[in-house]
Amino acid sequence: MHSLLMLLSLAGALALRFIYGAMSEHFFWLAGHEASWSRRWSVALGAFLLPPLLVFAMAIAILTMGIHGSMLGHSVGHLGYGFALATLLWFAGVLTWQAMHSLRSHLRIRRLPRTQIQGFVARRLESSLPFAARVGFWRPVLVVSQGLQNLLNEPEVAAVLHHEQAHLTYRDTFWFFWLGWLRTATAGLPGTASLWAELLLLREMRADRWAAQSHDPLLLAESLLKMAQAAIPVEPGWVMFSEAHETNRLEQRIEALLVPAQQAQQYDSAVLWVMVSLAIATLPLLTHLFHSAS
């Protein structure tokens, strides 16, 4: 019986992703209107979170019920329990690997020399490539390359640094650490890669909006273009674009920057969407009601 429950949770996860894939074109058409940016964020976040959380919650429910007893008149056994245990071990292993990788990156960054750039404390990266990013967990470190200062003038550098400050304000490195964990652990689910790219894009657009409150949006857009034309490899914190689909995202970021400020959308609805997704994801825990230990 437990094996059937795990298969049902996996089938539910696949069905949710397929439904999202079938409707994504409709949602993204809506997202082309400025009034729907927050809806686009909420839909992408919910579609990304809910399927893996359903499988994760079902595995926890089965593991806590154990290998003895029955459900709805059918006996439970080792097969479903082993399936659930393997699933949780996989999630735990991916989380451990990602935490170790992040720790190594953080330690390498800490070895870089400290510097001050326009009032911001940063770590200087000796590279000719223009680069700026927040690296870390809850309080990420600002990393800036010499190439950035060589490419951009002072107002443009200030705009880029305030973009990176937005990632600190929204704790993007913290939240995307956990989202990245789910991304790696569920890479086999359909739509994971495209949803991850969509969330990264929307994260950057939010940071652009925040920076545009204190800097000319056109200046920020020009800085973005210069950075993109430098053909920088994709790194966390400042998404670069070189391929065709990435060029489309660059255009979306610039278009969003040039929209009048009074039309800017809030992303508060994403918090509500996350809460709804988490509530739905806990439904597998209710299977305990149908389990009898005898």
Protein backbone atom coordinates (compact mmCIF):
# COMPACT_ATOMS: atom_id res chain seq x y z
CA MET A 1 0.00 0.00 0.00
CA HIS A 2 2.83 2.36 0.83
CA SER A 3 4.37 1.68 -2.59
CA LEU A 4 1.11 2.73 -4.18
CA LEU A 5 1.09 5.96 -2.15
CA MET A 6 4.62 6.83 -3.27
CA LEU A 7 3.69 6.15 -6.87
CA LEU A 8 0.57 8.29 -6.52
CA SER A 9 2.58 11.20 -5.10
CA LEU A 10 5.06 10.91 -7.96
CA ALA A 11 2.22 10.74 -10.48
CA GLY A 12 0.68 13.82 -8.86
CA ALA A 13 3.99 15.69 -9.13
CA LEU A 14 4.31 14.78 -12.81
CA ALA A 15 0.70 15.75 -13.49
CA LEU A 16 1.15 19.16 -11.86
CA ARG A 17 4.22 19.87 -13.97
CA PHE A 18 2.50 18.73 -17.17
CA ILE A 19 -0.49 20.94 -16.37
CA TYR A 20 1.85 23.86 -15.80
CA GLY A 21 3.65 23.13 -19.07
CA ALA A 22 0.35 23.03 -20.97
CA MET A 23 -0.80 26.33 -19.45
CA SER A 24 2.54 28.14 -19.25
CA GLU A 25 2.14 29.76 -22.63
CA HIS A 26 -1.15 31.23 -21.45
CA PHE A 27 0.37 32.43 -18.17
CA PHE A 28 3.39 33.95 -19.89
CA TRP A 29 1.15 35.74 -22.34
CA LEU A 30 -0.58 37.29 -19.36
CA ALA A 31 2.80 38.08 -17.89
CA GLY A 32 3.56 40.23 -20.91
CA HIS A 33 1.20 42.78 -19.39
CA GLU A 34 2.76 44.74 -16.55
CA ALA A 35 -0.31 44.10 -14.38
CA SER A 36 0.54 40.39 -14.32
CA TRP A 37 4.20 40.36 -13.23
CA SER A 38 3.31 39.33 -9.68
CA ARG A 39 1.04 36.60 -11.04
CA ARG A 40 3.90 35.29 -13.15
CA TRP A 41 6.14 35.10 -10.07
CA SER A 42 3.47 33.34 -8.03
CA VAL A 43 2.60 30.79 -10.71
CA ALA A 44 6.25 29.90 -11.38
CA LEU A 45 7.06 29.61 -7.68
CA GLY A 46 4.03 27.43 -6.96
CA ALA A 47 4.71 25.17 -9.95
CA PHE A 48 8.32 24.80 -8.85
CA LEU A 49 7.63 24.09 -5.17
CA LEU A 50 4.49 22.00 -4.99
CA PRO A 51 5.43 18.83 -6.97
CA PRO A 52 8.67 17.99 -5.10
CA LEU A 53 7.13 18.91 -1.74
CA LEU A 54 4.27 16.46 -2.35
CA VAL A 55 6.75 13.62 -2.90
CA PHE A 56 8.84 14.75 0.08
CA ALA A 57 5.82 14.91 2.41
CA MET A 58 4.56 11.51 1.30
CA ALA A 59 7.96 9.96 1.98
CA ILE A 60 7.96 11.46 5.50
CA ALA A 61 4.44 10.17 6.14
CA ILE A 62 5.35 6.64 5.08
CA LEU A 63 8.59 6.64 7.05
CA THR A 64 6.78 7.69 10.24
CA MET A 65 4.05 5.05 9.75
CA GLY A 66 6.66 2.30 9.62
CA ILE A 67 6.54 -1.16 8.11
CA HIS A 68 3.85 -2.69 10.34
CA GLY A 69 0.09 -2.43 10.20
CA SER A 70 -2.41 -1.88 7.40
CA MET A 71 -4.16 0.85 5.42
CA LEU A 72 -7.72 0.55 4.15
CA GLY A 73 -7.59 -3.21 4.64
CA HIS A 74 -4.30 -3.66 2.79
CA SER A 75 -1.07 -4.59 4.52
CA VAL A 76 2.01 -2.37 4.39
CA GLY A 77 5.50 -3.71 3.98
CA HIS A 78 9.16 -3.10 3.32
CA LEU A 79 8.98 -2.11 -0.36
CA GLY A 80 7.13 1.18 0.07
CA TYR A 81 9.09 1.94 3.22
CA GLY A 82 12.36 1.39 1.36
CA PHE A 83 11.16 3.61 -1.49
CA ALA A 84 10.33 6.40 0.96
CA LEU A 85 13.61 5.99 2.84
CA ALA A 86 15.62 6.13 -0.40
CA THR A 87 13.76 9.28 -1.42
CA LEU A 88 14.53 11.06 1.86
CA LEU A 89 18.16 9.91 1.78
CA TRP A 90 18.46 11.35 -1.72
CA PHE A 91 17.05 14.71 -0.59
CA ALA A 92 19.35 14.70 2.45
CA GLY A 93 22.38 13.77 0.35
CA VAL A 94 21.74 16.56 -2.15
CA LEU A 95 21.28 19.04 0.70
CA THR A 96 24.55 17.95 2.32
CA TRP A 97 26.44 18.20 -0.97
CA GLN A 98 25.03 21.65 -1.69
CA ALA A 99 25.81 22.89 1.83
CA MET A 100 29.42 21.69 1.53
CA HIS A 101 29.78 23.28 -1.90
CA SER A 102 28.40 26.59 -0.59
CA LEU A 103 30.72 26.47 2.41
CA ARG A 104 33.76 25.92 0.19
CA SER A 105 32.72 28.85 -2.01
CA HIS A 106 32.21 31.04 1.02
CA LEU A 107 35.65 30.17 2.41
CA ARG A 108 37.30 30.95 -0.93
CA ILE A 109 35.53 34.30 -1.06
CA ARG A 110 36.67 35.12 2.48
CA ARG A 111 40.27 34.80 1.31
CA LEU A 112 39.85 37.58 -1.23
CA PRO A 113 41.16 41.04 -0.22
CA ARG A 114 38.65 43.48 1.29
CA THR A 115 37.95 46.77 -0.43
CA GLN A 116 35.47 49.66 -0.33
CA ILE A 117 33.61 50.73 -3.45
CA GLN A 118 31.33 53.75 -3.21
CA GLY A 119 30.58 53.04 0.44
CA PHE A 120 30.05 49.30 -0.01
CA VAL A 121 32.37 46.82 1.70
CA ALA A 122 33.30 44.16 -0.83
CA ARG A 123 35.78 41.44 -1.69
CA ARG A 124 37.92 42.26 -4.72
CA LEU A 125 38.19 39.64 -7.43
CA GLU A 126 41.32 40.06 -9.54
CA SER A 127 39.74 39.44 -12.91
CA SER A 128 39.48 41.42 -16.11
CA LEU A 129 35.90 40.21 -16.56
CA PRO A 130 33.27 42.59 -15.16
CA PHE A 131 31.52 40.77 -12.35
CA ALA A 132 29.46 41.61 -9.27
CA ALA A 133 27.50 39.22 -7.06
CA ARG A 134 26.33 38.46 -3.56
CA VAL A 135 27.83 35.17 -2.40
CA GLY A 136 26.85 33.46 0.84
CA PHE A 137 23.81 32.39 2.83
CA TRP A 138 21.93 34.73 5.19
CA ARG A 139 24.41 37.64 5.05
CA PRO A 140 26.12 37.17 1.67
CA VAL A 141 29.39 38.87 0.86
CA LEU A 142 29.59 41.35 -2.01
CA VAL A 143 32.17 40.29 -4.61
CA VAL A 144 33.29 42.80 -7.24
CA SER A 145 35.89 42.34 -9.95
CA GLN A 146 38.34 44.95 -11.17
CA GLY A 147 36.93 44.39 -14.63
CA LEU A 148 33.59 45.83 -13.50
CA GLN A 149 35.17 49.14 -12.53
CA ASN A 150 37.16 49.19 -15.77
CA LEU A 151 34.06 48.67 -17.91
CA LEU A 152 31.51 50.90 -16.17
CA ASN A 153 31.66 54.50 -15.07
CA GLU A 154 30.97 55.47 -11.44
CA PRO A 155 27.18 56.03 -11.76
CA GLU A 156 26.82 52.70 -13.57
CA VAL A 157 28.90 50.90 -10.93
CA ALA A 158 26.68 52.44 -8.25
CA ALA A 159 23.57 51.16 -10.03
CA VAL A 160 25.02 47.65 -10.22
CA LEU A 161 26.02 47.71 -6.54
CA HIS A 162 22.52 48.77 -5.53
CA HIS A 163 21.15 45.93 -7.63
CA GLU A 164 23.31 43.58 -5.57
CA GLN A 165 22.14 45.28 -2.38
CA ALA A 166 18.61 44.33 -3.35
CA HIS A 167 19.60 40.66 -3.22
CA LEU A 168 20.71 41.22 0.38
CA THR A 169 17.51 43.09 1.22
CA TYR A 170 15.32 40.29 -0.12
CA ARG A 171 17.64 37.56 1.26
CA ASP A 172 17.76 36.03 -2.21
CA THR A 173 20.85 33.93 -1.49
CA PHE A 174 19.10 32.34 1.50
CA TRP A 175 15.84 31.54 -0.27
CA PHE A 176 17.50 30.40 -3.49
CA PHE A 177 19.77 28.08 -1.55
CA TRP A 178 16.67 26.06 -0.61
CA LEU A 179 15.11 26.43 -4.05
CA GLY A 180 18.40 25.30 -5.55
CA TRP A 181 18.30 22.24 -3.32
CA LEU A 182 14.88 21.29 -4.70
CA ARG A 183 16.07 22.05 -8.21
CA THR A 184 19.00 19.62 -7.95
CA ALA A 185 17.05 16.94 -6.08
CA THR A 186 14.20 16.96 -8.61
CA ALA A 187 16.12 17.65 -11.81
CA GLY A 188 14.37 14.68 -13.40
CA LEU A 189 10.91 16.22 -13.09
CA PRO A 190 9.70 17.89 -16.30
CA GLY A 191 9.90 21.67 -16.30
CA THR A 192 12.45 21.96 -13.50
CA ALA A 193 15.10 23.67 -15.64
CA SER A 194 12.69 26.13 -17.27
CA LEU A 195 11.03 27.01 -13.97
CA TRP A 196 14.42 27.57 -12.34
CA ALA A 197 15.42 29.90 -15.17
CA GLU A 198 12.12 31.74 -14.82
CA LEU A 199 12.59 32.22 -11.07
CA LEU A 200 16.14 33.49 -11.59
CA LEU A 201 14.90 35.97 -14.16
CA LEU A 202 12.09 37.23 -11.92
CA ARG A 203 14.53 37.52 -9.01
CA GLU A 204 16.78 39.73 -11.13
CA MET A 205 13.84 41.82 -12.28
CA ARG A 206 12.85 42.42 -8.67
CA ALA A 207 16.40 43.51 -7.83
CA ASP A 208 16.39 45.77 -10.89
CA ARG A 209 13.19 47.39 -9.66
CA TRP A 210 14.65 47.95 -6.21
CA ALA A 211 17.80 49.55 -7.63
CA ALA A 212 15.74 51.70 -9.99
CA GLN A 213 14.14 53.41 -6.98
CA SER A 214 17.42 55.23 -6.29
CA HIS A 215 19.00 55.23 -9.77
CA ASP A 216 17.86 56.17 -13.24
CA PRO A 217 16.31 53.01 -14.77
CA LEU A 218 17.85 53.90 -18.12
CA LEU A 219 21.30 54.01 -16.49
CA LEU A 220 20.71 50.57 -14.99
CA ALA A 221 19.54 49.24 -18.35
CA GLU A 222 22.68 50.58 -20.03
CA SER A 223 24.84 48.92 -17.36
CA LEU A 224 22.99 45.65 -17.95
CA LEU A 225 23.63 45.87 -21.69
CA LYS A 226 27.34 46.52 -21.18
CA MET A 227 27.61 43.57 -18.80
CA ALA A 228 25.74 41.30 -21.22
CA GLN A 229 27.87 42.33 -24.17
CA ALA A 230 30.98 41.39 -22.19
CA ALA A 231 29.83 37.74 -22.52
CA ILE A 232 30.28 36.89 -18.85
CA PRO A 233 29.55 33.30 -17.75
CA VAL A 234 26.30 32.93 -15.81
CA GLU A 235 26.85 33.47 -12.09
CA PRO A 236 24.46 33.91 -9.14
CA GLY A 237 23.35 37.44 -8.42
CA TRP A 238 23.67 39.05 -11.85
CA VAL A 239 22.23 37.00 -14.70
CA MET A 240 24.01 37.43 -18.02
CA PHE A 241 22.65 36.54 -21.44
CA SER A 242 24.36 35.23 -24.55
CA GLU A 243 22.10 32.62 -26.20
CA ALA A 244 18.83 33.28 -28.01
CA HIS A 245 16.50 32.43 -25.11
CA GLU A 246 18.74 34.40 -22.74
CA THR A 247 18.57 37.42 -25.06
CA ASN A 248 14.80 37.30 -24.69
CA ARG A 249 15.20 37.46 -20.91
CA LEU A 250 17.53 40.42 -21.26
CA GLU A 251 14.87 42.17 -23.30
CA GLN A 252 12.28 41.41 -20.62
CA ARG A 253 14.49 42.91 -17.90
CA ILE A 254 15.10 46.08 -19.90
CA GLU A 255 11.43 46.40 -20.81
CA ALA A 256 10.46 46.03 -17.14
CA LEU A 257 13.00 48.70 -16.16
CA LEU A 258 11.61 51.18 -18.66
CA VAL A 259 8.00 50.80 -17.49
CA PRO A 260 6.90 53.88 -15.49
CA ALA A 261 7.62 53.45 -11.77
CA GLN A 262 3.99 53.85 -10.74
CA GLN A 263 3.14 50.67 -12.66
CA ALA A 264 5.72 48.55 -10.87
CA GLN A 265 4.24 45.42 -9.37
CA GLN A 266 4.76 44.01 -5.91
CA TYR A 267 5.75 40.41 -5.27
CA ASP A 268 3.91 40.12 -1.95
CA SER A 269 1.44 37.65 -3.45
CA ALA A 270 4.31 35.20 -3.80
CA VAL A 271 4.38 34.81 -0.02
CA LEU A 272 0.70 33.85 -0.02
CA TRP A 273 1.29 31.45 -2.90
CA VAL A 274 4.13 29.77 -1.03
CA MET A 275 1.89 29.34 2.03
CA VAL A 276 -0.85 27.81 -0.11
CA SER A 277 1.66 25.45 -1.77
CA LEU A 278 3.03 24.39 1.60
CA ALA A 279 -0.49 23.75 2.90
CA ILE A 280 -1.33 21.56 -0.11
CA ALA A 281 2.01 19.76 0.18
CA THR A 282 1.18 18.67 3.74
CA LEU A 283 -1.93 16.77 2.59
CA PRO A 284 -0.01 13.46 2.29
CA LEU A 285 0.55 13.62 6.05
CA LEU A 286 -3.19 13.04 6.45
CA THR A 287 -2.68 9.46 5.25
CA HIS A 288 -1.80 8.72 8.88
CA LEU A 289 -5.55 8.79 9.54
CA PHE A 290 -5.98 5.67 7.41
CA HIS A 291 -3.10 3.74 8.91
CA SER A 292 -3.64 1.11 11.59
CA ALA A 293 -0.68 -0.22 13.55
CA SER A 294 -2.45 -3.51 14.27
